[in-house]
Amino acid sequence: WKVVTIDGHDHEQISKALTDANAEKDKPT
């Protein structure tokens, strides 16, 4: 898996994590 750890209350971190996950080509996130 692609794994990213974020502050789950930081909206900018959540948005970036979801953006990167949607762009991922090879792995579940």
PDB file of all heavy atoms in Angstrom:
ATOM      1  N   TRP A   1       0.826  -1.200   0.000  1.00  0.00           N
ATOM      2  CA  TRP A   1       0.000   0.000   0.000  1.00  0.00           C
ATOM      3  C   TRP A   1       0.868   1.261   0.000  1.00  0.00           C
ATOM      4  O   TRP A   1       1.985   1.271   0.519  1.00  0.00           O
ATOM      5  CB  TRP A   1      -0.884   0.056   1.248  1.00  0.00           C
ATOM      6  CG  TRP A   1      -2.005  -0.930   1.295  1.00  0.00           C
ATOM      7  CD1 TRP A   1      -1.921  -2.290   1.203  1.00  0.00           C
ATOM      8  CD2 TRP A   1      -3.392  -0.629   1.485  1.00  0.00           C
ATOM      9  NE1 TRP A   1      -3.167  -2.863   1.334  1.00  0.00           N
ATOM     10  CE2 TRP A   1      -4.090  -1.858   1.509  1.00  0.00           C
ATOM     11  CE3 TRP A   1      -4.106   0.559   1.653  1.00  0.00           C
ATOM     12  CZ2 TRP A   1      -5.473  -1.934   1.671  1.00  0.00           C
ATOM     13  CZ3 TRP A   1      -5.488   0.482   1.828  1.00  0.00           C
ATOM     14  CH2 TRP A   1      -6.161  -0.745   1.825  1.00  0.00           C
ATOM     15  N   LYS A   2       0.319   2.321  -0.538  1.00  0.00           N
ATOM     16  CA  LYS A   2       0.862   3.664  -0.321  1.00  0.00           C
ATOM     17  C   LYS A   2       0.280   4.135   1.010  1.00  0.00           C
ATOM     18  O   LYS A   2      -0.933   4.087   1.220  1.00  0.00           O
ATOM     19  CB  LYS A   2       0.425   4.598  -1.447  1.00  0.00           C
ATOM     20  CG  LYS A   2       0.783   6.075  -1.239  1.00  0.00           C
ATOM     21  CD  LYS A   2       0.143   6.929  -2.338  1.00  0.00           C
ATOM     22  CE  LYS A   2       0.377   8.415  -2.114  1.00  0.00           C
ATOM     23  NZ  LYS A   2       1.780   8.786  -2.318  1.00  0.00           N
ATOM     24  N   VAL A   3       1.127   4.582   1.923  1.00  0.00           N
ATOM     25  CA  VAL A   3       0.678   5.001   3.250  1.00  0.00           C
ATOM     26  C   VAL A   3       1.151   6.423   3.522  1.00  0.00           C
ATOM     27  O   VAL A   3       2.316   6.759   3.301  1.00  0.00           O
ATOM     28  CB  VAL A   3       1.208   4.055   4.350  1.00  0.00           C
ATOM     29  CG1 VAL A   3       0.721   4.507   5.727  1.00  0.00           C
ATOM     30  CG2 VAL A   3       0.767   2.615   4.074  1.00  0.00           C
ATOM     31  N   VAL A   4       0.248   7.257   3.998  1.00  0.00           N
ATOM     32  CA  VAL A   4       0.595   8.619   4.399  1.00  0.00           C
ATOM     33  C   VAL A   4      -0.049   8.883   5.756  1.00  0.00           C
ATOM     34  O   VAL A   4      -1.199   8.496   5.990  1.00  0.00           O
ATOM     35  CB  VAL A   4       0.125   9.652   3.352  1.00  0.00           C
ATOM     36  CG1 VAL A   4      -1.363   9.552   3.097  1.00  0.00           C
ATOM     37  CG2 VAL A   4       0.499  11.069   3.784  1.00  0.00           C
ATOM     38  N   THR A   5       0.695   9.490   6.641  1.00  0.00           N
ATOM     39  CA  THR A   5       0.183   9.835   7.970  1.00  0.00           C
ATOM     40  C   THR A   5       0.011  11.347   8.058  1.00  0.00           C
ATOM     41  O   THR A   5       0.929  12.106   7.713  1.00  0.00           O
ATOM     42  CB  THR A   5       1.145   9.353   9.065  1.00  0.00           C
ATOM     43  OG1 THR A   5       1.288   7.929   8.957  1.00  0.00           O
ATOM     44  CG2 THR A   5       0.607   9.690  10.450  1.00  0.00           C
ATOM     45  N   ILE A   6      -1.163  11.776   8.509  1.00  0.00           N
ATOM     46  CA  ILE A   6      -1.485  13.202   8.556  1.00  0.00           C
ATOM     47  C   ILE A   6      -2.157  13.556   9.873  1.00  0.00           C
ATOM     48  O   ILE A   6      -2.580  12.684  10.635  1.00  0.00           O
ATOM     49  CB  ILE A   6      -2.434  13.604   7.405  1.00  0.00           C
ATOM     50  CG1 ILE A   6      -3.794  12.881   7.545  1.00  0.00           C
ATOM     51  CG2 ILE A   6      -1.806  13.317   6.046  1.00  0.00           C
ATOM     52  CD1 ILE A   6      -4.873  13.372   6.601  1.00  0.00           C
ATOM     53  N   ASP A   7      -2.256  14.848  10.129  1.00  0.00           N
ATOM     54  CA  ASP A   7      -3.104  15.365  11.196  1.00  0.00           C
ATOM     55  C   ASP A   7      -4.537  15.297  10.674  1.00  0.00           C
ATOM     56  O   ASP A   7      -4.902  16.016   9.743  1.00  0.00           O
ATOM     57  CB  ASP A   7      -2.711  16.806  11.527  1.00  0.00           C
ATOM     58  CG  ASP A   7      -3.600  17.438  12.603  1.00  0.00           C
ATOM     59  OD1 ASP A   7      -4.670  16.879  12.915  1.00  0.00           O
ATOM     60  OD2 ASP A   7      -3.212  18.515  13.107  1.00  0.00           O
ATOM     61  N   GLY A   8      -5.337  14.425  11.241  1.00  0.00           N
ATOM     62  CA  GLY A   8      -6.693  14.199  10.747  1.00  0.00           C
ATOM     63  C   GLY A   8      -7.649  15.343  10.974  1.00  0.00           C
ATOM     64  O   GLY A   8      -8.823  15.261  10.580  1.00  0.00           O
ATOM     65  N   HIS A   9      -7.169  16.418  11.595  1.00  0.00           N
ATOM     66  CA  HIS A   9      -8.003  17.617  11.768  1.00  0.00           C
ATOM     67  C   HIS A   9      -7.515  18.780  10.922  1.00  0.00           C
ATOM     68  O   HIS A   9      -8.150  19.845  10.918  1.00  0.00           O
ATOM     69  CB  HIS A   9      -8.025  18.022  13.250  1.00  0.00           C
ATOM     70  CG  HIS A   9      -8.564  16.955  14.147  1.00  0.00           C
ATOM     71  ND1 HIS A   9      -9.811  16.405  13.995  1.00  0.00           N
ATOM     72  CD2 HIS A   9      -7.999  16.311  15.209  1.00  0.00           C
ATOM     73  CE1 HIS A   9     -10.006  15.481  14.922  1.00  0.00           C
ATOM     74  NE2 HIS A   9      -8.924  15.399  15.672  1.00  0.00           N
ATOM     75  N   ASP A  10      -6.431  18.589  10.198  1.00  0.00           N
ATOM     76  CA  ASP A  10      -5.872  19.636   9.348  1.00  0.00           C
ATOM     77  C   ASP A  10      -6.446  19.474   7.939  1.00  0.00           C
ATOM     78  O   ASP A  10      -6.097  18.538   7.215  1.00  0.00           O
ATOM     79  CB  ASP A  10      -4.348  19.526   9.324  1.00  0.00           C
ATOM     80  CG  ASP A  10      -3.689  20.665   8.578  1.00  0.00           C
ATOM     81  OD1 ASP A  10      -4.140  20.983   7.458  1.00  0.00           O
ATOM     82  OD2 ASP A  10      -2.715  21.233   9.110  1.00  0.00           O
ATOM     83  N   HIS A  11      -7.296  20.402   7.560  1.00  0.00           N
ATOM     84  CA  HIS A  11      -8.023  20.264   6.299  1.00  0.00           C
ATOM     85  C   HIS A  11      -7.094  20.296   5.094  1.00  0.00           C
ATOM     86  O   HIS A  11      -7.355  19.621   4.088  1.00  0.00           O
ATOM     87  CB  HIS A  11      -9.087  21.347   6.202  1.00  0.00           C
ATOM     88  CG  HIS A  11     -10.162  21.198   7.223  1.00  0.00           C
ATOM     89  ND1 HIS A  11     -11.233  22.062   7.337  1.00  0.00           N
ATOM     90  CD2 HIS A  11     -10.344  20.277   8.209  1.00  0.00           C
ATOM     91  CE1 HIS A  11     -12.019  21.689   8.335  1.00  0.00           C
ATOM     92  NE2 HIS A  11     -11.486  20.599   8.879  1.00  0.00           N
ATOM     93  N   GLU A  12      -6.042  21.074   5.150  1.00  0.00           N
ATOM     94  CA  GLU A  12      -5.102  21.123   4.032  1.00  0.00           C
ATOM     95  C   GLU A  12      -4.371  19.791   3.883  1.00  0.00           C
ATOM     96  O   GLU A  12      -4.161  19.315   2.762  1.00  0.00           O
ATOM     97  CB  GLU A  12      -4.109  22.269   4.233  1.00  0.00           C
ATOM     98  CG  GLU A  12      -4.746  23.651   4.078  1.00  0.00           C
ATOM     99  CD  GLU A  12      -3.724  24.769   4.196  1.00  0.00           C
ATOM    100  OE1 GLU A  12      -2.569  24.484   4.584  1.00  0.00           O
ATOM    101  OE2 GLU A  12      -4.090  25.919   3.902  1.00  0.00           O
ATOM    102  N   GLN A  13      -3.996  19.180   4.999  1.00  0.00           N
ATOM    103  CA  GLN A  13      -3.331  17.876   4.927  1.00  0.00           C
ATOM    104  C   GLN A  13      -4.285  16.803   4.402  1.00  0.00           C
ATOM    105  O   GLN A  13      -3.887  15.921   3.625  1.00  0.00           O
ATOM    106  CB  GLN A  13      -2.789  17.480   6.302  1.00  0.00           C
ATOM    107  CG  GLN A  13      -1.609  18.317   6.775  1.00  0.00           C
ATOM    108  CD  GLN A  13      -0.987  17.771   8.058  1.00  0.00           C
ATOM    109  OE1 GLN A  13      -0.847  16.567   8.232  1.00  0.00           O
ATOM    110  NE2 GLN A  13      -0.611  18.671   8.964  1.00  0.00           N
ATOM    111  N   ILE A  14      -5.532  16.865   4.843  1.00  0.00           N
ATOM    112  CA  ILE A  14      -6.532  15.900   4.353  1.00  0.00           C
ATOM    113  C   ILE A  14      -6.699  16.041   2.844  1.00  0.00           C
ATOM    114  O   ILE A  14      -6.697  15.053   2.099  1.00  0.00           O
ATOM    115  CB  ILE A  14      -7.884  16.112   5.060  1.00  0.00           C
ATOM    116  CG1 ILE A  14      -7.772  15.796   6.558  1.00  0.00           C
ATOM    117  CG2 ILE A  14      -8.965  15.237   4.416  1.00  0.00           C
ATOM    118  CD1 ILE A  14      -8.989  16.222   7.365  1.00  0.00           C
ATOM    119  N   SER A  15      -6.825  17.282   2.385  1.00  0.00           N
ATOM    120  CA  SER A  15      -7.038  17.539   0.960  1.00  0.00           C
ATOM    121  C   SER A  15      -5.852  17.058   0.129  1.00  0.00           C
ATOM    122  O   SER A  15      -6.027  16.438  -0.925  1.00  0.00           O
ATOM    123  CB  SER A  15      -7.273  19.037   0.737  1.00  0.00           C
ATOM    124  OG  SER A  15      -7.565  19.289  -0.628  1.00  0.00           O
ATOM    125  N   LYS A  16      -4.634  17.328   0.599  1.00  0.00           N
ATOM    126  CA  LYS A  16      -3.453  16.889  -0.142  1.00  0.00           C
ATOM    127  C   LYS A  16      -3.366  15.368  -0.187  1.00  0.00           C
ATOM    128  O   LYS A  16      -3.037  14.770  -1.231  1.00  0.00           O
ATOM    129  CB  LYS A  16      -2.179  17.465   0.472  1.00  0.00           C
ATOM    130  CG  LYS A  16      -0.911  17.100  -0.321  1.00  0.00           C
ATOM    131  CD  LYS A  16       0.337  17.664   0.299  1.00  0.00           C
ATOM    132  CE  LYS A  16       1.559  17.421  -0.614  1.00  0.00           C
ATOM    133  NZ  LYS A  16       1.715  16.004  -1.003  1.00  0.00           N
ATOM    134  N   ALA A  17      -3.661  14.733   0.951  1.00  0.00           N
ATOM    135  CA  ALA A  17      -3.601  13.273   0.991  1.00  0.00           C
ATOM    136  C   ALA A  17      -4.589  12.656   0.008  1.00  0.00           C
ATOM    137  O   ALA A  17      -4.271  11.686  -0.699  1.00  0.00           O
ATOM    138  CB  ALA A  17      -3.871  12.769   2.403  1.00  0.00           C
ATOM    139  N   LEU A  18      -5.782  13.208  -0.072  1.00  0.00           N
ATOM    140  CA  LEU A  18      -6.796  12.699  -0.993  1.00  0.00           C
ATOM    141  C   LEU A  18      -6.425  12.994  -2.440  1.00  0.00           C
ATOM    142  O   LEU A  18      -6.679  12.183  -3.334  1.00  0.00           O
ATOM    143  CB  LEU A  18      -8.166  13.282  -0.650  1.00  0.00           C
ATOM    144  CG  LEU A  18      -8.834  12.676   0.591  1.00  0.00           C
ATOM    145  CD1 LEU A  18     -10.026  13.514   1.039  1.00  0.00           C
ATOM    146  CD2 LEU A  18      -9.284  11.235   0.315  1.00  0.00           C
ATOM    147  N   THR A  19      -5.831  14.147  -2.684  1.00  0.00           N
ATOM    148  CA  THR A  19      -5.381  14.476  -4.034  1.00  0.00           C
ATOM    149  C   THR A  19      -4.322  13.479  -4.500  1.00  0.00           C
ATOM    150  O   THR A  19      -4.393  12.940  -5.613  1.00  0.00           O
ATOM    151  CB  THR A  19      -4.800  15.901  -4.068  1.00  0.00           C
ATOM    152  OG1 THR A  19      -5.826  16.837  -3.708  1.00  0.00           O
ATOM    153  CG2 THR A  19      -4.281  16.250  -5.458  1.00  0.00           C
ATOM    154  N   ASP A  20      -3.354  13.211  -3.640  1.00  0.00           N
ATOM    155  CA  ASP A  20      -2.294  12.264  -3.987  1.00  0.00           C
ATOM    156  C   ASP A  20      -2.844  10.844  -4.155  1.00  0.00           C
ATOM    157  O   ASP A  20      -2.410  10.098  -5.043  1.00  0.00           O
ATOM    158  CB  ASP A  20      -1.208  12.272  -2.905  1.00  0.00           C
ATOM    159  CG  ASP A  20      -0.437  13.589  -2.863  1.00  0.00           C
ATOM    160  OD1 ASP A  20      -0.541  14.371  -3.822  1.00  0.00           O
ATOM    161  OD2 ASP A  20       0.253  13.834  -1.846  1.00  0.00           O
ATOM    162  N   ALA A  21      -3.792  10.477  -3.298  1.00  0.00           N
ATOM    163  CA  ALA A  21      -4.376   9.133  -3.386  1.00  0.00           C
ATOM    164  C   ALA A  21      -5.126   8.952  -4.702  1.00  0.00           C
ATOM    165  O   ALA A  21      -5.055   7.887  -5.331  1.00  0.00           O
ATOM    166  CB  ALA A  21      -5.309   8.888  -2.206  1.00  0.00           C
ATOM    167  N   ASN A  22      -5.827   9.986  -5.138  1.00  0.00           N
ATOM    168  CA  ASN A  22      -6.560   9.903  -6.398  1.00  0.00           C
ATOM    169  C   ASN A  22      -5.626   9.840  -7.601  1.00  0.00           C
ATOM    170  O   ASN A  22      -6.011   9.333  -8.658  1.00  0.00           O
ATOM    171  CB  ASN A  22      -7.516  11.090  -6.527  1.00  0.00           C
ATOM    172  CG  ASN A  22      -8.864  10.840  -5.874  1.00  0.00           C
ATOM    173  OD1 ASN A  22      -9.770  10.304  -6.498  1.00  0.00           O
ATOM    174  ND2 ASN A  22      -9.004  11.206  -4.603  1.00  0.00           N
ATOM    175  N   ALA A  23      -4.412  10.363  -7.429  1.00  0.00           N
ATOM    176  CA  ALA A  23      -3.443  10.340  -8.525  1.00  0.00           C
ATOM    177  C   ALA A  23      -2.603   9.064  -8.547  1.00  0.00           C
ATOM    178  O   ALA A  23      -1.899   8.803  -9.526  1.00  0.00           O
ATOM    179  CB  ALA A  23      -2.524  11.560  -8.412  1.00  0.00           C
ATOM    180  N   GLU A  24      -2.677   8.264  -7.493  1.00  0.00           N
ATOM    181  CA  GLU A  24      -1.867   7.054  -7.378  1.00  0.00           C
ATOM    182  C   GLU A  24      -2.246   6.042  -8.472  1.00  0.00           C
ATOM    183  O   GLU A  24      -3.421   5.763  -8.699  1.00  0.00           O
ATOM    184  CB  GLU A  24      -2.061   6.430  -5.998  1.00  0.00           C
ATOM    185  CG  GLU A  24      -1.425   5.077  -5.808  1.00  0.00           C
ATOM    186  CD  GLU A  24       0.088   5.090  -5.998  1.00  0.00           C
ATOM    187  OE1 GLU A  24       0.741   6.045  -5.514  1.00  0.00           O
ATOM    188  OE2 GLU A  24       0.609   4.147  -6.619  1.00  0.00           O
ATOM    189  N   LYS A  25      -1.227   5.489  -9.144  1.00  0.00           N
ATOM    190  CA  LYS A  25      -1.464   4.604 -10.285  1.00  0.00           C
ATOM    191  C   LYS A  25      -1.320   3.118  -9.973  1.00  0.00           C
ATOM    192  O   LYS A  25      -1.859   2.277 -10.698  1.00  0.00           O
ATOM    193  CB  LYS A  25      -0.486   4.951 -11.418  1.00  0.00           C
ATOM    194  CG  LYS A  25      -0.588   6.377 -11.938  1.00  0.00           C
ATOM    195  CD  LYS A  25      -1.941   6.655 -12.571  1.00  0.00           C
ATOM    196  CE  LYS A  25      -1.972   8.049 -13.186  1.00  0.00           C
ATOM    197  NZ  LYS A  25      -3.335   8.373 -13.717  1.00  0.00           N
ATOM    198  N   ASP A  26      -0.597   2.788  -8.905  1.00  0.00           N
ATOM    199  CA  ASP A  26      -0.217   1.387  -8.717  1.00  0.00           C
ATOM    200  C   ASP A  26      -0.695   0.730  -7.431  1.00  0.00           C
ATOM    201  O   ASP A  26      -0.693  -0.497  -7.335  1.00  0.00           O
ATOM    202  CB  ASP A  26       1.308   1.263  -8.763  1.00  0.00           C
ATOM    203  CG  ASP A  26       1.884   1.688 -10.101  1.00  0.00           C
ATOM    204  OD1 ASP A  26       1.335   1.266 -11.134  1.00  0.00           O
ATOM    205  OD2 ASP A  26       2.871   2.450 -10.097  1.00  0.00           O
ATOM    206  N   LYS A  27      -1.068   1.526  -6.433  1.00  0.00           N
ATOM    207  CA  LYS A  27      -1.317   0.959  -5.120  1.00  0.00           C
ATOM    208  C   LYS A  27      -2.597   1.505  -4.494  1.00  0.00           C
ATOM    209  O   LYS A  27      -2.992   2.631  -4.764  1.00  0.00           O
ATOM    210  CB  LYS A  27      -0.152   1.296  -4.179  1.00  0.00           C
ATOM    211  CG  LYS A  27       1.202   0.799  -4.613  1.00  0.00           C
ATOM    212  CD  LYS A  27       2.288   1.276  -3.644  1.00  0.00           C
ATOM    213  CE  LYS A  27       3.662   0.761  -4.048  1.00  0.00           C
ATOM    214  NZ  LYS A  27       4.713   1.217  -3.097  1.00  0.00           N
ATOM    215  N   PRO A  28      -3.215   0.706  -3.600  1.00  0.00           N
ATOM    216  CA  PRO A  28      -4.248   1.290  -2.740  1.00  0.00           C
ATOM    217  C   PRO A  28      -3.579   2.246  -1.759  1.00  0.00           C
ATOM    218  O   PRO A  28      -2.383   2.120  -1.480  1.00  0.00           O
ATOM    219  CB  PRO A  28      -4.845   0.075  -2.026  1.00  0.00           C
ATOM    220  CG  PRO A  28      -3.752  -0.954  -2.043  1.00  0.00           C
ATOM    221  CD  PRO A  28      -2.963  -0.715  -3.305  1.00  0.00           C
ATOM    222  N   THR A  29      -4.342   3.190  -1.254  1.00  0.00           N
ATOM    223  CA  THR A  29      -3.788   4.184  -0.336  1.00  0.00           C
ATOM    224  C   THR A  29      -4.432   4.082   1.034  1.00  0.00           C
ATOM    225  O   THR A  29      -5.663   3.993   1.141  1.00  0.00           O
ATOM    226  CB  THR A  29      -3.996   5.609  -0.876  1.00  0.00           C
ATOM    227  OG1 THR A  29      -3.278   5.762  -2.105  1.00  0.00           O
ATOM    228  CG2 THR A  29      -3.482   6.654   0.112  1.00  0.00           C
TER     229      THR A  29
END
